[in-house]
Amino acid sequence: MRVEDLDIGDIVYAATVITDDGSIPGGIEGEVLAEAGTRGVITMIGHIEEQPERSVFLVRFEDRELNLGNPIGCWAEDLIVEPRLVN
């Protein structure tokens, strides 16, 4: 299954470390928002006006206590469907 085929409520994982690119109001640019492999849930799917062909996924990632954090806008390439196994 591809990330693009997912829907609201589906589980995803951060493909890489996701950091604040400066677009989060009140956030700190460069702050780590989700470590690679962190589990999250899709809460909304949309598009931005400048690139209507690309989907933006709002994802709430779990913290260490398994609480869901604030929604983070992610591109499909920021997410994976299956967790990566750690050797």
N, C-alpha and C. Protein backbone atom coordinates (compact mmCIF):
# COMPACT_ATOMS: atom_id res chain seq x y z
N MET A 1 0.84 -1.18 0.00
CA MET A 1 0.00 0.00 0.00
C MET A 1 0.88 1.25 0.00
N ARG A 2 0.41 2.26 -0.69
CA ARG A 2 1.13 3.53 -0.78
C ARG A 2 0.52 4.55 0.17
N VAL A 3 1.33 5.47 0.64
CA VAL A 3 0.85 6.53 1.52
C VAL A 3 -0.28 7.30 0.83
N GLU A 4 -0.17 7.53 -0.45
CA GLU A 4 -1.18 8.29 -1.20
C GLU A 4 -2.55 7.60 -1.19
N ASP A 5 -2.60 6.30 -0.89
CA ASP A 5 -3.86 5.55 -0.86
C ASP A 5 -4.52 5.54 0.51
N LEU A 6 -3.87 6.14 1.50
CA LEU A 6 -4.38 6.12 2.86
C LEU A 6 -5.47 7.16 3.07
N ASP A 7 -6.17 7.04 4.20
CA ASP A 7 -7.28 7.94 4.51
C ASP A 7 -7.17 8.41 5.96
N ILE A 8 -8.03 9.30 6.34
CA ILE A 8 -8.07 9.80 7.71
C ILE A 8 -8.29 8.63 8.67
N GLY A 9 -7.50 8.62 9.75
CA GLY A 9 -7.58 7.55 10.75
C GLY A 9 -6.58 6.44 10.53
N ASP A 10 -5.92 6.42 9.37
CA ASP A 10 -4.93 5.38 9.11
C ASP A 10 -3.62 5.68 9.84
N ILE A 11 -2.92 4.60 10.20
CA ILE A 11 -1.64 4.69 10.92
C ILE A 11 -0.51 4.82 9.92
N VAL A 12 0.45 5.71 10.21
CA VAL A 12 1.65 5.88 9.40
C VAL A 12 2.84 6.00 10.34
N TYR A 13 4.03 6.01 9.76
CA TYR A 13 5.27 6.15 10.52
C TYR A 13 6.14 7.20 9.83
N ALA A 14 6.90 7.94 10.62
CA ALA A 14 7.82 8.93 10.06
C ALA A 14 8.93 8.20 9.31
N ALA A 15 9.12 8.53 8.04
CA ALA A 15 10.14 7.88 7.23
C ALA A 15 11.54 8.32 7.65
N THR A 16 11.66 9.56 8.07
CA THR A 16 12.93 10.13 8.52
C THR A 16 12.61 11.05 9.70
N VAL A 17 13.63 11.66 10.26
CA VAL A 17 13.40 12.65 11.31
C VAL A 17 12.65 13.83 10.67
N ILE A 18 11.55 14.23 11.30
CA ILE A 18 10.77 15.36 10.80
C ILE A 18 11.04 16.55 11.71
N THR A 19 11.48 17.66 11.12
CA THR A 19 11.80 18.86 11.88
C THR A 19 10.92 20.02 11.43
N ASP A 20 10.81 21.01 12.30
CA ASP A 20 10.06 22.22 11.98
C ASP A 20 10.85 23.01 10.94
N ASP A 21 10.22 23.23 9.80
CA ASP A 21 10.88 24.00 8.73
C ASP A 21 10.63 25.49 8.86
N GLY A 22 10.06 25.89 9.99
CA GLY A 22 9.77 27.30 10.22
C GLY A 22 8.34 27.67 9.90
N SER A 23 7.54 26.71 9.49
CA SER A 23 6.17 27.00 9.09
C SER A 23 5.15 26.79 10.20
N ILE A 24 5.58 26.31 11.36
CA ILE A 24 4.64 26.08 12.46
C ILE A 24 4.57 27.34 13.32
N PRO A 25 3.37 27.93 13.43
CA PRO A 25 3.24 29.15 14.24
C PRO A 25 3.68 28.90 15.68
N GLY A 26 4.57 29.76 16.16
CA GLY A 26 5.08 29.63 17.52
C GLY A 26 6.12 28.54 17.69
N GLY A 27 6.45 27.84 16.61
CA GLY A 27 7.44 26.77 16.68
C GLY A 27 8.86 27.29 16.59
N ILE A 28 9.79 26.37 16.74
CA ILE A 28 11.22 26.69 16.65
C ILE A 28 11.79 25.99 15.44
N GLU A 29 12.25 26.75 14.47
CA GLU A 29 12.81 26.16 13.26
C GLU A 29 13.95 25.21 13.61
N GLY A 30 13.90 24.00 13.04
CA GLY A 30 14.92 23.00 13.29
C GLY A 30 14.57 22.04 14.43
N GLU A 31 13.54 22.36 15.21
CA GLU A 31 13.13 21.50 16.31
C GLU A 31 12.64 20.15 15.77
N VAL A 32 13.05 19.06 16.42
CA VAL A 32 12.61 17.72 16.01
C VAL A 32 11.16 17.54 16.44
N LEU A 33 10.31 17.22 15.46
CA LEU A 33 8.88 17.02 15.72
C LEU A 33 8.54 15.54 15.83
N ALA A 34 9.26 14.71 15.09
CA ALA A 34 9.05 13.26 15.14
C ALA A 34 10.33 12.57 14.70
N GLU A 35 10.79 11.63 15.49
CA GLU A 35 11.95 10.82 15.14
C GLU A 35 11.56 9.82 14.06
N ALA A 36 12.52 9.37 13.28
CA ALA A 36 12.26 8.34 12.27
C ALA A 36 11.64 7.13 12.94
N GLY A 37 10.58 6.60 12.35
CA GLY A 37 9.92 5.43 12.89
C GLY A 37 8.80 5.71 13.87
N THR A 38 8.61 6.98 14.23
CA THR A 38 7.54 7.32 15.17
C THR A 38 6.18 7.06 14.55
N ARG A 39 5.30 6.43 15.31
CA ARG A 39 3.96 6.11 14.82
C ARG A 39 3.05 7.32 14.96
N GLY A 40 2.17 7.49 13.96
CA GLY A 40 1.21 8.58 13.99
C GLY A 40 -0.08 8.18 13.31
N VAL A 41 -1.05 9.07 13.38
CA VAL A 41 -2.35 8.84 12.76
C VAL A 41 -2.69 10.04 11.87
N ILE A 42 -3.20 9.76 10.69
CA ILE A 42 -3.60 10.82 9.76
C ILE A 42 -4.90 11.44 10.26
N THR A 43 -4.91 12.76 10.42
CA THR A 43 -6.11 13.44 10.91
C THR A 43 -6.80 14.27 9.84
N MET A 44 -6.09 14.59 8.76
CA MET A 44 -6.68 15.35 7.67
C MET A 44 -5.77 15.21 6.45
N ILE A 45 -6.38 15.28 5.27
CA ILE A 45 -5.62 15.24 4.03
C ILE A 45 -6.08 16.42 3.19
N GLY A 46 -5.14 17.17 2.67
CA GLY A 46 -5.48 18.34 1.87
C GLY A 46 -4.44 18.62 0.81
N HIS A 47 -4.49 19.81 0.27
CA HIS A 47 -3.57 20.25 -0.78
C HIS A 47 -3.24 21.71 -0.52
N ILE A 48 -2.10 22.15 -1.03
CA ILE A 48 -1.79 23.57 -0.96
C ILE A 48 -2.05 24.17 -2.33
N GLU A 49 -2.43 25.41 -2.34
CA GLU A 49 -2.83 26.08 -3.58
C GLU A 49 -1.73 26.05 -4.63
N GLU A 50 -0.48 26.21 -4.21
CA GLU A 50 0.64 26.28 -5.15
C GLU A 50 0.95 24.93 -5.81
N GLN A 51 0.56 23.83 -5.17
CA GLN A 51 0.82 22.49 -5.70
C GLN A 51 -0.40 21.60 -5.49
N PRO A 52 -1.49 21.85 -6.21
CA PRO A 52 -2.72 21.09 -5.97
C PRO A 52 -2.60 19.60 -6.30
N GLU A 53 -1.58 19.22 -7.02
CA GLU A 53 -1.40 17.80 -7.37
C GLU A 53 -0.75 17.00 -6.25
N ARG A 54 -0.21 17.67 -5.24
CA ARG A 54 0.45 17.00 -4.11
C ARG A 54 -0.43 17.03 -2.88
N SER A 55 -0.54 15.90 -2.21
CA SER A 55 -1.32 15.82 -0.97
C SER A 55 -0.45 16.19 0.22
N VAL A 56 -1.08 16.90 1.15
CA VAL A 56 -0.47 17.21 2.43
C VAL A 56 -1.26 16.42 3.48
N PHE A 57 -0.55 15.69 4.31
CA PHE A 57 -1.17 14.86 5.34
C PHE A 57 -0.93 15.51 6.69
N LEU A 58 -1.99 15.80 7.42
CA LEU A 58 -1.83 16.25 8.80
C LEU A 58 -1.77 15.00 9.66
N VAL A 59 -0.67 14.86 10.39
CA VAL A 59 -0.42 13.65 11.18
C VAL A 59 -0.16 14.05 12.62
N ARG A 60 -0.76 13.32 13.54
CA ARG A 60 -0.47 13.48 14.97
C ARG A 60 0.40 12.30 15.38
N PHE A 61 1.65 12.58 15.70
CA PHE A 61 2.60 11.54 16.10
C PHE A 61 2.56 11.32 17.59
N GLU A 62 2.85 10.09 18.01
CA GLU A 62 2.90 9.75 19.42
C GLU A 62 4.19 10.24 20.05
N ASP A 63 4.10 10.61 21.34
CA ASP A 63 5.32 10.92 22.09
C ASP A 63 5.75 9.65 22.83
N ARG A 64 6.72 9.75 23.70
CA ARG A 64 7.25 8.57 24.40
C ARG A 64 6.22 7.92 25.33
N GLU A 65 5.24 8.71 25.78
CA GLU A 65 4.18 8.18 26.66
C GLU A 65 2.96 7.74 25.85
N LEU A 66 3.08 7.71 24.52
CA LEU A 66 2.03 7.30 23.59
C LEU A 66 0.87 8.28 23.50
N ASN A 67 1.12 9.54 23.92
CA ASN A 67 0.13 10.60 23.75
C ASN A 67 0.30 11.20 22.36
N LEU A 68 -0.81 11.55 21.73
CA LEU A 68 -0.73 12.17 20.41
C LEU A 68 -0.37 13.64 20.53
N GLY A 69 0.58 14.06 19.70
CA GLY A 69 1.01 15.45 19.68
C GLY A 69 0.14 16.29 18.76
N ASN A 70 0.53 17.53 18.58
CA ASN A 70 -0.18 18.43 17.69
C ASN A 70 -0.04 17.97 16.24
N PRO A 71 -1.01 18.29 15.39
CA PRO A 71 -0.91 17.89 13.98
C PRO A 71 0.28 18.54 13.29
N ILE A 72 0.94 17.75 12.45
CA ILE A 72 2.09 18.20 11.69
C ILE A 72 1.80 17.95 10.21
N GLY A 73 2.01 18.95 9.37
CA GLY A 73 1.84 18.77 7.94
C GLY A 73 3.01 17.99 7.36
N CYS A 74 2.70 16.92 6.64
CA CYS A 74 3.74 16.05 6.06
C CYS A 74 3.43 15.78 4.60
N TRP A 75 4.46 15.67 3.80
CA TRP A 75 4.33 15.20 2.42
C TRP A 75 4.34 13.67 2.44
N ALA A 76 3.88 13.06 1.38
CA ALA A 76 3.86 11.59 1.28
C ALA A 76 5.25 11.01 1.51
N GLU A 77 6.27 11.67 1.00
CA GLU A 77 7.63 11.13 1.13
C GLU A 77 8.17 11.21 2.56
N ASP A 78 7.49 11.95 3.44
CA ASP A 78 7.88 12.01 4.86
C ASP A 78 7.35 10.82 5.64
N LEU A 79 6.47 10.03 5.02
CA LEU A 79 5.75 8.98 5.73
C LEU A 79 5.96 7.62 5.09
N ILE A 80 5.85 6.57 5.90
CA ILE A 80 5.85 5.20 5.40
C ILE A 80 4.67 4.47 6.04
N VAL A 81 4.26 3.39 5.40
CA VAL A 81 3.08 2.65 5.84
C VAL A 81 3.43 1.59 6.86
N GLU A 82 4.57 0.94 6.71
CA GLU A 82 5.00 -0.13 7.61
C GLU A 82 6.19 0.34 8.42
N PRO A 83 6.24 0.00 9.71
CA PRO A 83 7.41 0.39 10.50
C PRO A 83 8.66 -0.33 9.99
N ARG A 84 9.77 0.35 10.08
CA ARG A 84 11.05 -0.26 9.71
C ARG A 84 11.56 -1.06 10.86
N LEU A 85 12.07 -2.24 10.56
CA LEU A 85 12.64 -3.09 11.60
C LEU A 85 14.04 -2.61 11.94
N VAL A 86 14.36 -2.57 13.21
CA VAL A 86 15.68 -2.17 13.67
C VAL A 86 16.48 -3.44 13.95
N ASN A 87 17.68 -3.54 13.37
CA ASN A 87 18.51 -4.73 13.57
C ASN A 87 19.28 -4.64 14.86
